[in-house]
Amino acid sequence: MSNGRFAACVVSLLAAAGSVVAVAQTGREANRTIYGAGTNSCSVWTEARQDERWFTSGQWILGFVSAANQYSKVPPTKTDARTVASWVDDYCYQHATSDLADAARELVDHMVAGTYP
């Protein structure tokens, strides 16, 4: 990738990240902290999906799933980005007040258990 394209990608990502609440939140498990877009509510995800502004949150979720794939003792079911986004859409529709970290944890739980999709 050329330096110009790389710089443009970095600027785009930083601009998108500016719209994300950058607070830390204590996770469900003791001593676990959620950073970045995972602290956004499902209602923010749903609104962003309708406006095509979900890239940052989508990348956060894919990163969470990728980390689970790398560090889980039981490899999660394989999937793709489109299926993950669709699953999160369904979850967030049913759990509008939950946050994206809750959605990502439940998704990974299903993937590890082999009950996904």
Protein backbone atom coordinates (compact mmCIF):
# COMPACT_ATOMS: atom_id res chain seq x y z
CA MET A 1 0.00 0.00 0.00
CA SER A 2 1.41 3.40 -0.91
CA ASN A 3 2.18 5.92 1.82
CA GLY A 4 -0.62 8.17 0.55
CA ARG A 5 -3.25 5.40 0.69
CA PHE A 6 -2.02 4.31 4.12
CA ALA A 7 -2.24 7.89 5.43
CA ALA A 8 -5.74 8.25 3.98
CA CYS A 9 -6.82 5.02 5.70
CA VAL A 10 -5.39 6.19 9.03
CA VAL A 11 -7.13 9.57 8.73
CA SER A 12 -10.43 7.86 7.86
CA LEU A 13 -10.15 5.50 10.81
CA LEU A 14 -9.30 8.32 13.20
CA ALA A 15 -12.23 10.37 11.94
CA ALA A 16 -14.56 7.40 12.40
CA ALA A 17 -13.14 6.70 15.84
CA GLY A 18 -13.93 10.26 16.83
CA SER A 19 -17.61 9.38 16.67
CA VAL A 20 -17.14 6.49 19.06
CA VAL A 21 -17.47 6.99 22.77
CA ALA A 22 -13.95 6.28 23.99
CA VAL A 23 -14.74 5.34 27.55
CA ALA A 24 -13.81 2.20 29.36
CA GLN A 25 -16.47 0.03 30.91
CA THR A 26 -16.15 -2.82 33.36
CA GLY A 27 -17.01 -6.08 31.62
CA ARG A 28 -19.27 -8.86 32.79
CA GLU A 29 -16.36 -10.82 34.22
CA ALA A 30 -14.49 -9.41 37.20
CA ASN A 31 -11.48 -7.26 36.33
CA ARG A 32 -12.31 -7.16 32.59
CA THR A 33 -12.52 -3.79 30.90
CA ILE A 34 -14.13 -3.00 27.56
CA TYR A 35 -12.61 -0.19 25.51
CA GLY A 36 -13.82 1.72 22.46
CA ALA A 37 -16.85 0.86 20.36
CA GLY A 38 -17.76 -2.13 22.53
CA THR A 39 -19.18 0.33 25.04
CA ASN A 40 -21.73 1.61 22.51
CA SER A 41 -25.30 0.48 22.98
CA CYS A 42 -27.11 -1.78 20.58
CA SER A 43 -29.40 1.11 19.72
CA VAL A 44 -26.33 3.04 18.49
CA TRP A 45 -25.35 -0.01 16.38
CA THR A 46 -28.82 -0.25 14.85
CA GLU A 47 -28.90 3.45 14.00
CA ALA A 48 -25.40 3.31 12.54
CA ARG A 49 -26.31 0.29 10.39
CA GLN A 50 -29.28 2.17 8.94
CA ASP A 51 -27.07 5.17 8.11
CA GLU A 52 -24.11 3.09 6.83
CA ARG A 53 -21.89 4.45 9.65
CA TRP A 54 -21.13 1.15 11.33
CA PHE A 55 -17.56 0.52 10.12
CA THR A 56 -15.82 1.31 13.42
CA SER A 57 -18.25 -0.73 15.51
CA GLY A 58 -18.19 -3.55 12.98
CA GLN A 59 -14.41 -3.68 13.06
CA TRP A 60 -14.49 -3.71 16.87
CA ILE A 61 -16.81 -6.73 16.83
CA LEU A 62 -14.70 -8.53 14.20
CA GLY A 63 -11.61 -7.86 16.33
CA PHE A 64 -13.35 -9.32 19.37
CA VAL A 65 -14.32 -12.44 17.40
CA SER A 66 -10.79 -12.70 15.96
CA ALA A 67 -9.26 -12.47 19.44
CA ALA A 68 -11.61 -15.19 20.67
CA ASN A 69 -10.53 -17.32 17.73
CA GLN A 70 -6.88 -16.86 18.65
CA TYR A 71 -7.15 -17.29 22.43
CA SER A 72 -10.06 -19.66 22.97
CA LYS A 73 -9.20 -23.20 24.04
CA VAL A 74 -12.04 -24.38 21.78
CA PRO A 75 -11.87 -22.85 18.29
CA PRO A 76 -15.11 -21.02 17.47
CA THR A 77 -17.22 -21.91 14.44
CA LYS A 78 -15.87 -20.22 11.30
CA THR A 79 -17.93 -17.40 9.84
CA ASP A 80 -17.63 -14.26 7.74
CA ALA A 81 -18.06 -10.53 8.37
CA ARG A 82 -21.46 -10.27 6.70
CA THR A 83 -22.91 -13.10 8.82
CA VAL A 84 -21.46 -11.60 12.01
CA ALA A 85 -23.03 -8.20 11.22
CA SER A 86 -26.38 -9.84 10.50
CA TRP A 87 -26.23 -11.77 13.79
CA VAL A 88 -25.44 -8.57 15.70
CA ASP A 89 -28.35 -6.85 13.91
CA ASP A 90 -30.71 -9.54 15.20
CA TYR A 91 -29.23 -9.47 18.70
CA CYS A 92 -29.40 -5.68 18.93
CA TYR A 93 -32.97 -5.62 17.64
CA GLN A 94 -33.93 -7.85 20.59
CA HIS A 95 -31.59 -6.18 23.15
CA ALA A 96 -31.55 -2.46 22.31
CA THR A 97 -30.25 -1.43 25.75
CA SER A 98 -27.39 -3.94 25.80
CA ASP A 99 -23.96 -2.87 24.61
CA LEU A 100 -21.91 -4.23 21.73
CA ALA A 101 -19.61 -6.06 24.12
CA ASP A 102 -22.62 -8.06 25.35
CA ALA A 103 -23.52 -8.87 21.75
CA ALA A 104 -19.94 -9.88 20.92
CA ARG A 105 -19.63 -12.07 24.04
CA GLU A 106 -22.88 -13.85 23.29
CA LEU A 107 -21.88 -14.32 19.66
CA VAL A 108 -18.56 -15.88 20.68
CA ASP A 109 -20.32 -18.08 23.26
CA HIS A 110 -22.54 -19.43 20.48
CA MET A 111 -19.60 -19.87 18.14
CA VAL A 112 -17.58 -21.81 20.74
CA ALA A 113 -20.60 -23.95 21.63
CA GLY A 114 -21.18 -24.73 17.96
CA THR A 115 -24.69 -23.25 18.04
CA TYR A 116 -23.94 -20.46 15.56
CA PRO A 117 -25.42 -19.42 13.20
